[in-house]
Amino acid sequence: MATGRRRRWTDARKVRFVEESYTAPRMAAATARRYEIFRSLLTRWRRDARLLQRLAKTPSSEWFGLRDLEPDGDDDDRRETGTD
């Protein structure tokens, strides 16, 4: 399936491929073949789309477990802890 060159896909085309791959069971492989892309690439786009949907439904304060932190007005979080 090598094309000899790296192709660039617009976000709109990626969305179209992902949507098409969800139209019926086992459509991911068929969609990848139709557009001559690797199934693993389509799988990555599908995973990214699911993550974006989840993030859109979740308040941003919960994205990285920040819901447990309360703003206290100090700048203590700026000091270095010495750990990386």
PDB file of N, CA and C in Angstrom:
ATOM      1  N   MET A   1       0.814  -1.187   0.000  1.00  0.00           N
ATOM      2  CA  MET A   1       0.000   0.000   0.000  1.00  0.00           C
ATOM      3  C   MET A   1       0.865   1.261   0.000  1.00  0.00           C
ATOM      4  N   ALA A   2       2.151   1.145  -0.120  1.00  0.00           N
ATOM      5  CA  ALA A   2       3.035   2.296  -0.114  1.00  0.00           C
ATOM      6  C   ALA A   2       2.800   3.154  -1.348  1.00  0.00           C
ATOM      7  N   THR A   3       2.731   4.450  -1.142  1.00  0.00           N
ATOM      8  CA  THR A   3       2.500   5.367  -2.256  1.00  0.00           C
ATOM      9  C   THR A   3       3.792   6.017  -2.715  1.00  0.00           C
ATOM     10  N   GLY A   4       4.876   5.842  -1.944  1.00  0.00           N
ATOM     11  CA  GLY A   4       6.132   6.448  -2.316  1.00  0.00           C
ATOM     12  C   GLY A   4       6.270   7.877  -1.845  1.00  0.00           C
ATOM     13  N   ARG A   5       5.221   8.411  -1.241  1.00  0.00           N
ATOM     14  CA  ARG A   5       5.280   9.774  -0.716  1.00  0.00           C
ATOM     15  C   ARG A   5       4.366   9.874   0.494  1.00  0.00           C
ATOM     16  N   ARG A   6       4.630  10.821   1.331  1.00  0.00           N
ATOM     17  CA  ARG A   6       3.796  11.053   2.497  1.00  0.00           C
ATOM     18  C   ARG A   6       2.639  11.955   2.087  1.00  0.00           C
ATOM     19  N   ARG A   7       1.438  11.508   2.373  1.00  0.00           N
ATOM     20  CA  ARG A   7       0.261  12.313   2.032  1.00  0.00           C
ATOM     21  C   ARG A   7      -0.194  13.104   3.244  1.00  0.00           C
ATOM     22  N   ARG A   8      -0.742  14.249   3.002  1.00  0.00           N
ATOM     23  CA  ARG A   8      -1.292  15.105   4.059  1.00  0.00           C
ATOM     24  C   ARG A   8      -2.799  15.134   3.894  1.00  0.00           C
ATOM     25  N   TRP A   9      -3.517  14.833   4.966  1.00  0.00           N
ATOM     26  CA  TRP A   9      -4.972  14.823   4.916  1.00  0.00           C
ATOM     27  C   TRP A   9      -5.505  16.028   5.684  1.00  0.00           C
ATOM     28  N   THR A  10      -6.492  16.686   5.130  1.00  0.00           N
ATOM     29  CA  THR A  10      -7.118  17.793   5.852  1.00  0.00           C
ATOM     30  C   THR A  10      -7.949  17.221   6.995  1.00  0.00           C
ATOM     31  N   ASP A  11      -8.223  18.048   7.985  1.00  0.00           N
ATOM     32  CA  ASP A  11      -9.055  17.600   9.105  1.00  0.00           C
ATOM     33  C   ASP A  11     -10.436  17.175   8.619  1.00  0.00           C
ATOM     34  N   ALA A  12     -10.965  17.882   7.642  1.00  0.00           N
ATOM     35  CA  ALA A  12     -12.293  17.541   7.113  1.00  0.00           C
ATOM     36  C   ALA A  12     -12.303  16.143   6.488  1.00  0.00           C
ATOM     37  N   ARG A  13     -11.251  15.804   5.768  1.00  0.00           N
ATOM     38  CA  ARG A  13     -11.182  14.462   5.163  1.00  0.00           C
ATOM     39  C   ARG A  13     -11.025  13.397   6.231  1.00  0.00           C
ATOM     40  N   LYS A  14     -10.206  13.682   7.260  1.00  0.00           N
ATOM     41  CA  LYS A  14     -10.041  12.716   8.351  1.00  0.00           C
ATOM     42  C   LYS A  14     -11.387  12.446   9.022  1.00  0.00           C
ATOM     43  N   VAL A  15     -12.144  13.516   9.270  1.00  0.00           N
ATOM     44  CA  VAL A  15     -13.463  13.363   9.896  1.00  0.00           C
ATOM     45  C   VAL A  15     -14.357  12.504   9.011  1.00  0.00           C
ATOM     46  N   ARG A  16     -14.321  12.749   7.715  1.00  0.00           N
ATOM     47  CA  ARG A  16     -15.147  11.964   6.794  1.00  0.00           C
ATOM     48  C   ARG A  16     -14.756  10.486   6.816  1.00  0.00           C
ATOM     49  N   PHE A  17     -13.466  10.202   6.824  1.00  0.00           N
ATOM     50  CA  PHE A  17     -13.006   8.812   6.886  1.00  0.00           C
ATOM     51  C   PHE A  17     -13.454   8.153   8.179  1.00  0.00           C
ATOM     52  N   VAL A  18     -13.297   8.863   9.292  1.00  0.00           N
ATOM     53  CA  VAL A  18     -13.682   8.309  10.599  1.00  0.00           C
ATOM     54  C   VAL A  18     -15.184   8.061  10.641  1.00  0.00           C
ATOM     55  N   GLU A  19     -15.958   9.031  10.200  1.00  0.00           N
ATOM     56  CA  GLU A  19     -17.422   8.849  10.204  1.00  0.00           C
ATOM     57  C   GLU A  19     -17.821   7.654   9.354  1.00  0.00           C
ATOM     58  N   GLU A  20     -17.225   7.537   8.182  1.00  0.00           N
ATOM     59  CA  GLU A  20     -17.551   6.415   7.313  1.00  0.00           C
ATOM     60  C   GLU A  20     -17.172   5.085   7.967  1.00  0.00           C
ATOM     61  N   SER A  21     -16.074   5.076   8.697  1.00  0.00           N
ATOM     62  CA  SER A  21     -15.622   3.823   9.313  1.00  0.00           C
ATOM     63  C   SER A  21     -16.558   3.355  10.422  1.00  0.00           C
ATOM     64  N   TYR A  22     -17.408   4.245  10.923  1.00  0.00           N
ATOM     65  CA  TYR A  22     -18.367   3.888  11.972  1.00  0.00           C
ATOM     66  C   TYR A  22     -19.761   3.568  11.419  1.00  0.00           C
ATOM     67  N   THR A  23     -19.954   3.598  10.118  1.00  0.00           N
ATOM     68  CA  THR A  23     -21.295   3.407   9.553  1.00  0.00           C
ATOM     69  C   THR A  23     -21.843   2.004   9.730  1.00  0.00           C
ATOM     70  N   ALA A  24     -20.972   1.017   9.856  1.00  0.00           N
ATOM     71  CA  ALA A  24     -21.424  -0.372  10.040  1.00  0.00           C
ATOM     72  C   ALA A  24     -20.321  -1.137  10.755  1.00  0.00           C
ATOM     73  N   PRO A  25     -20.674  -2.265  11.340  1.00  0.00           N
ATOM     74  CA  PRO A  25     -19.631  -3.084  11.974  1.00  0.00           C
ATOM     75  C   PRO A  25     -18.572  -3.503  10.955  1.00  0.00           C
ATOM     76  N   ARG A  26     -17.353  -3.543  11.401  1.00  0.00           N
ATOM     77  CA  ARG A  26     -16.208  -3.985  10.579  1.00  0.00           C
ATOM     78  C   ARG A  26     -15.951  -3.097   9.362  1.00  0.00           C
ATOM     79  N   MET A  27     -16.308  -1.847   9.448  1.00  0.00           N
ATOM     80  CA  MET A  27     -16.098  -0.935   8.316  1.00  0.00           C
ATOM     81  C   MET A  27     -14.724  -0.271   8.347  1.00  0.00           C
ATOM     82  N   ALA A  28     -14.001  -0.358   9.447  1.00  0.00           N
ATOM     83  CA  ALA A  28     -12.705   0.321   9.520  1.00  0.00           C
ATOM     84  C   ALA A  28     -11.750  -0.216   8.460  1.00  0.00           C
ATOM     85  N   ALA A  29     -11.650  -1.515   8.353  1.00  0.00           N
ATOM     86  CA  ALA A  29     -10.739  -2.098   7.366  1.00  0.00           C
ATOM     87  C   ALA A  29     -11.176  -1.752   5.944  1.00  0.00           C
ATOM     88  N   ALA A  30     -12.468  -1.829   5.696  1.00  0.00           N
ATOM     89  CA  ALA A  30     -12.978  -1.522   4.349  1.00  0.00           C
ATOM     90  C   ALA A  30     -12.738  -0.052   4.005  1.00  0.00           C
ATOM     91  N   THR A  31     -12.940   0.828   4.983  1.00  0.00           N
ATOM     92  CA  THR A  31     -12.715   2.259   4.752  1.00  0.00           C
ATOM     93  C   THR A  31     -11.244   2.518   4.468  1.00  0.00           C
ATOM     94  N   ALA A  32     -10.370   1.901   5.248  1.00  0.00           N
ATOM     95  CA  ALA A  32      -8.925   2.079   5.035  1.00  0.00           C
ATOM     96  C   ALA A  32      -8.519   1.596   3.638  1.00  0.00           C
ATOM     97  N   ARG A  33      -9.040   0.461   3.230  1.00  0.00           N
ATOM     98  CA  ARG A  33      -8.728  -0.038   1.875  1.00  0.00           C
ATOM     99  C   ARG A  33      -9.247   0.913   0.808  1.00  0.00           C
ATOM    100  N   ARG A  34     -10.469   1.409   0.979  1.00  0.00           N
ATOM    101  CA  ARG A  34     -11.081   2.279  -0.024  1.00  0.00           C
ATOM    102  C   ARG A  34     -10.224   3.524  -0.269  1.00  0.00           C
ATOM    103  N   TYR A  35      -9.686   4.097   0.793  1.00  0.00           N
ATOM    104  CA  TYR A  35      -8.915   5.340   0.656  1.00  0.00           C
ATOM    105  C   TYR A  35      -7.408   5.098   0.646  1.00  0.00           C
ATOM    106  N   GLU A  36      -7.017   3.820   0.592  1.00  0.00           N
ATOM    107  CA  GLU A  36      -5.607   3.445   0.524  1.00  0.00           C
ATOM    108  C   GLU A  36      -4.787   4.057   1.651  1.00  0.00           C
ATOM    109  N   ILE A  37      -5.280   3.887   2.863  1.00  0.00           N
ATOM    110  CA  ILE A  37      -4.537   4.304   4.051  1.00  0.00           C
ATOM    111  C   ILE A  37      -4.363   3.069   4.930  1.00  0.00           C
ATOM    112  N   PHE A  38      -3.372   3.103   5.777  1.00  0.00           N
ATOM    113  CA  PHE A  38      -3.171   1.989   6.692  1.00  0.00           C
ATOM    114  C   PHE A  38      -4.281   1.977   7.732  1.00  0.00           C
ATOM    115  N   ARG A  39      -4.705   0.776   8.079  1.00  0.00           N
ATOM    116  CA  ARG A  39      -5.767   0.641   9.084  1.00  0.00           C
ATOM    117  C   ARG A  39      -5.325   1.231  10.416  1.00  0.00           C
ATOM    118  N   SER A  40      -4.045   1.102  10.745  1.00  0.00           N
ATOM    119  CA  SER A  40      -3.538   1.641  12.010  1.00  0.00           C
ATOM    120  C   SER A  40      -3.670   3.171  12.052  1.00  0.00           C
ATOM    121  N   LEU A  41      -3.505   3.822  10.895  1.00  0.00           N
ATOM    122  CA  LEU A  41      -3.675   5.274  10.851  1.00  0.00           C
ATOM    123  C   LEU A  41      -5.133   5.642  11.096  1.00  0.00           C
ATOM    124  N   LEU A  42      -6.045   4.924  10.452  1.00  0.00           N
ATOM    125  CA  LEU A  42      -7.467   5.167  10.672  1.00  0.00           C
ATOM    126  C   LEU A  42      -7.835   4.887  12.126  1.00  0.00           C
ATOM    127  N   THR A  43      -7.259   3.852  12.716  1.00  0.00           N
ATOM    128  CA  THR A  43      -7.513   3.541  14.123  1.00  0.00           C
ATOM    129  C   THR A  43      -7.057   4.681  15.022  1.00  0.00           C
ATOM    130  N   ARG A  44      -5.917   5.271  14.708  1.00  0.00           N
ATOM    131  CA  ARG A  44      -5.426   6.414  15.489  1.00  0.00           C
ATOM    132  C   ARG A  44      -6.390   7.597  15.368  1.00  0.00           C
ATOM    133  N   TRP A  45      -6.846   7.876  14.152  1.00  0.00           N
ATOM    134  CA  TRP A  45      -7.794   8.982  13.969  1.00  0.00           C
ATOM    135  C   TRP A  45      -9.082   8.717  14.726  1.00  0.00           C
ATOM    136  N   ARG A  46      -9.550   7.467  14.737  1.00  0.00           N
ATOM    137  CA  ARG A  46     -10.772   7.116  15.473  1.00  0.00           C
ATOM    138  C   ARG A  46     -10.565   7.316  16.976  1.00  0.00           C
ATOM    139  N   ARG A  47      -9.408   6.890  17.473  1.00  0.00           N
ATOM    140  CA  ARG A  47      -9.098   7.059  18.897  1.00  0.00           C
ATOM    141  C   ARG A  47      -9.028   8.548  19.254  1.00  0.00           C
ATOM    142  N   ASP A  48      -8.380   9.340  18.417  1.00  0.00           N
ATOM    143  CA  ASP A  48      -8.295  10.783  18.652  1.00  0.00           C
ATOM    144  C   ASP A  48      -9.685  11.419  18.663  1.00  0.00           C
ATOM    145  N   ALA A  49     -10.551  10.988  17.762  1.00  0.00           N
ATOM    146  CA  ALA A  49     -11.907  11.526  17.685  1.00  0.00           C
ATOM    147  C   ALA A  49     -12.687  11.197  18.965  1.00  0.00           C
ATOM    148  N   ARG A  50     -12.539   9.965  19.456  1.00  0.00           N
ATOM    149  CA  ARG A  50     -13.223   9.589  20.702  1.00  0.00           C
ATOM    150  C   ARG A  50     -12.716  10.416  21.866  1.00  0.00           C
ATOM    151  N   LEU A  51     -11.404  10.633  21.924  1.00  0.00           N
ATOM    152  CA  LEU A  51     -10.823  11.438  23.000  1.00  0.00           C
ATOM    153  C   LEU A  51     -11.347  12.867  22.946  1.00  0.00           C
ATOM    154  N   LEU A  52     -11.385  13.444  21.764  1.00  0.00           N
ATOM    155  CA  LEU A  52     -11.885  14.814  21.623  1.00  0.00           C
ATOM    156  C   LEU A  52     -13.349  14.912  22.034  1.00  0.00           C
ATOM    157  N   GLN A  53     -14.140  13.896  21.702  1.00  0.00           N
ATOM    158  CA  GLN A  53     -15.542  13.898  22.122  1.00  0.00           C
ATOM    159  C   GLN A  53     -15.649  13.852  23.637  1.00  0.00           C
ATOM    160  N   ARG A  54     -14.826  12.998  24.258  1.00  0.00           N
ATOM    161  CA  ARG A  54     -14.840  12.906  25.719  1.00  0.00           C
ATOM    162  C   ARG A  54     -14.428  14.211  26.361  1.00  0.00           C
ATOM    163  N   LEU A  55     -13.381  14.832  25.828  1.00  0.00           N
ATOM    164  CA  LEU A  55     -12.906  16.100  26.387  1.00  0.00           C
ATOM    165  C   LEU A  55     -13.945  17.202  26.217  1.00  0.00           C
ATOM    166  N   ALA A  56     -14.669  17.171  25.110  1.00  0.00           N
ATOM    167  CA  ALA A  56     -15.686  18.189  24.866  1.00  0.00           C
ATOM    168  C   ALA A  56     -16.832  18.070  25.869  1.00  0.00           C
ATOM    169  N   LYS A  57     -17.091  16.859  26.347  1.00  0.00           N
ATOM    170  CA  LYS A  57     -18.174  16.639  27.298  1.00  0.00           C
ATOM    171  C   LYS A  57     -17.725  16.823  28.746  1.00  0.00           C
ATOM    172  N   THR A  58     -16.424  16.912  28.981  1.00  0.00           N
ATOM    173  CA  THR A  58     -15.868  16.989  30.320  1.00  0.00           C
ATOM    174  C   THR A  58     -15.387  18.408  30.598  1.00  0.00           C
ATOM    175  N   PRO A  59     -15.715  18.964  31.756  1.00  0.00           N
ATOM    176  CA  PRO A  59     -15.171  20.283  32.092  1.00  0.00           C
ATOM    177  C   PRO A  59     -13.644  20.250  32.057  1.00  0.00           C
ATOM    178  N   SER A  60     -13.050  21.312  31.573  1.00  0.00           N
ATOM    179  CA  SER A  60     -11.598  21.326  31.394  1.00  0.00           C
ATOM    180  C   SER A  60     -10.855  21.101  32.708  1.00  0.00           C
ATOM    181  N   SER A  61     -11.459  21.431  33.829  1.00  0.00           N
ATOM    182  CA  SER A  61     -10.784  21.226  35.107  1.00  0.00           C
ATOM    183  C   SER A  61     -10.603  19.750  35.435  1.00  0.00           C
ATOM    184  N   GLU A  62     -11.323  18.871  34.744  1.00  0.00           N
ATOM    185  CA  GLU A  62     -11.210  17.432  35.008  1.00  0.00           C
ATOM    186  C   GLU A  62     -10.278  16.727  34.038  1.00  0.00           C
ATOM    187  N   TRP A  63      -9.762  17.417  33.038  1.00  0.00           N
ATOM    188  CA  TRP A  63      -8.938  16.770  32.017  1.00  0.00           C
ATOM    189  C   TRP A  63      -7.730  16.071  32.602  1.00  0.00           C
ATOM    190  N   PHE A  64      -7.070  16.695  33.555  1.00  0.00           N
ATOM    191  CA  PHE A  64      -5.842  16.132  34.103  1.00  0.00           C
ATOM    192  C   PHE A  64      -5.967  15.913  35.602  1.00  0.00           C
ATOM    193  N   GLY A  65      -7.174  15.664  36.069  1.00  0.00           N
ATOM    194  CA  GLY A  65      -7.375  15.442  37.490  1.00  0.00           C
ATOM    195  C   GLY A  65      -7.313  16.723  38.300  1.00  0.00           C
ATOM    196  N   LEU A  66      -7.532  17.848  37.650  1.00  0.00           N
ATOM    197  CA  LEU A  66      -7.433  19.127  38.341  1.00  0.00           C
ATOM    198  C   LEU A  66      -8.667  19.450  39.176  1.00  0.00           C
ATOM    199  N   ARG A  67      -9.696  18.647  39.094  1.00  0.00           N
ATOM    200  CA  ARG A  67     -10.913  18.941  39.846  1.00  0.00           C
ATOM    201  C   ARG A  67     -10.667  18.892  41.341  1.00  0.00           C
ATOM    202  N   ASP A  68      -9.602  18.174  41.763  1.00  0.00           N
ATOM    203  CA  ASP A  68      -9.309  18.075  43.186  1.00  0.00           C
ATOM    204  C   ASP A  68      -8.558  19.287  43.712  1.00  0.00           C
ATOM    205  N   LEU A  69      -8.049  20.111  42.818  1.00  0.00           N
ATOM    206  CA  LEU A  69      -7.306  21.294  43.239  1.00  0.00           C
ATOM    207  C   LEU A  69      -8.249  22.477  43.368  1.00  0.00           C
ATOM    208  N   GLU A  70      -8.098  23.201  44.419  1.00  0.00           N
ATOM    209  CA  GLU A  70      -8.910  24.395  44.607  1.00  0.00           C
ATOM    210  C   GLU A  70      -7.995  25.603  44.537  1.00  0.00           C
ATOM    211  N   PRO A  71      -8.417  26.643  43.849  1.00  0.00           N
ATOM    212  CA  PRO A  71      -7.574  27.839  43.795  1.00  0.00           C
ATOM    213  C   PRO A  71      -7.499  28.466  45.182  1.00  0.00           C
ATOM    214  N   ASP A  72      -6.270  28.764  45.624  1.00  0.00           N
ATOM    215  CA  ASP A  72      -6.112  29.357  46.946  1.00  0.00           C
ATOM    216  C   ASP A  72      -5.483  30.738  46.901  1.00  0.00           C
ATOM    217  N   GLY A  73      -5.128  31.168  45.711  1.00  0.00           N
ATOM    218  CA  GLY A  73      -4.583  32.505  45.571  1.00  0.00           C
ATOM    219  C   GLY A  73      -3.082  32.584  45.747  1.00  0.00           C
ATOM    220  N   ASP A  74      -2.403  31.532  46.261  1.00  0.00           N
ATOM    221  CA  ASP A  74      -0.946  31.603  46.402  1.00  0.00           C
ATOM    222  C   ASP A  74      -0.289  31.201  45.098  1.00  0.00           C
ATOM    223  N   ASP A  75       0.973  31.500  45.070  1.00  0.00           N
ATOM    224  CA  ASP A  75       1.783  31.077  43.940  1.00  0.00           C
ATOM    225  C   ASP A  75       2.701  29.939  44.357  1.00  0.00           C
ATOM    226  N   ASP A  76       2.306  29.160  45.372  1.00  0.00           N
ATOM    227  CA  ASP A  76       3.137  28.058  45.863  1.00  0.00           C
ATOM    228  C   ASP A  76       3.409  27.020  44.788  1.00  0.00           C
ATOM    229  N   ASP A  77       2.489  26.889  43.851  1.00  0.00           N
ATOM    230  CA  ASP A  77       2.681  25.875  42.809  1.00  0.00           C
ATOM    231  C   ASP A  77       3.799  26.243  41.843  1.00  0.00           C
ATOM    232  N   ARG A  78       4.310  27.455  41.935  1.00  0.00           N
ATOM    233  CA  ARG A  78       5.379  27.881  41.032  1.00  0.00           C
ATOM    234  C   ARG A  78       6.765  27.522  41.572  1.00  0.00           C
ATOM    235  N   ARG A  79       6.877  27.237  42.857  1.00  0.00           N
ATOM    236  CA  ARG A  79       8.200  26.931  43.389  1.00  0.00           C
ATOM    237  C   ARG A  79       8.613  25.529  42.930  1.00  0.00           C
ATOM    238  N   GLU A  80       9.893  25.348  42.786  1.00  0.00           N
ATOM    239  CA  GLU A  80      10.388  24.074  42.308  1.00  0.00           C
ATOM    240  C   GLU A  80      10.422  23.070  43.435  1.00  0.00           C
ATOM    241  N   THR A  81      10.074  21.840  43.118  1.00  0.00           N
ATOM    242  CA  THR A  81      10.072  20.777  44.113  1.00  0.00           C
ATOM    243  C   THR A  81      11.341  19.956  44.049  1.00  0.00           C
ATOM    244  N   GLY A  82      12.115  20.108  42.994  1.00  0.00           N
ATOM    245  CA  GLY A  82      13.344  19.364  42.854  1.00  0.00           C
ATOM    246  C   GLY A  82      13.153  17.982  42.243  1.00  0.00           C
ATOM    247  N   THR A  83      11.906  17.659  41.829  1.00  0.00           N
ATOM    248  CA  THR A  83      11.663  16.385  41.175  1.00  0.00           C
ATOM    249  C   THR A  83      11.284  16.624  39.745  1.00  0.00           C
ATOM    250  N   ASP A  84      11.646  15.716  38.898  1.00  0.00           N
ATOM    251  CA  ASP A  84      11.309  15.830  37.476  1.00  0.00           C
ATOM    252  C   ASP A  84      10.456  14.704  37.045  1.00  0.00           C
TER     253      ASP A  84
END
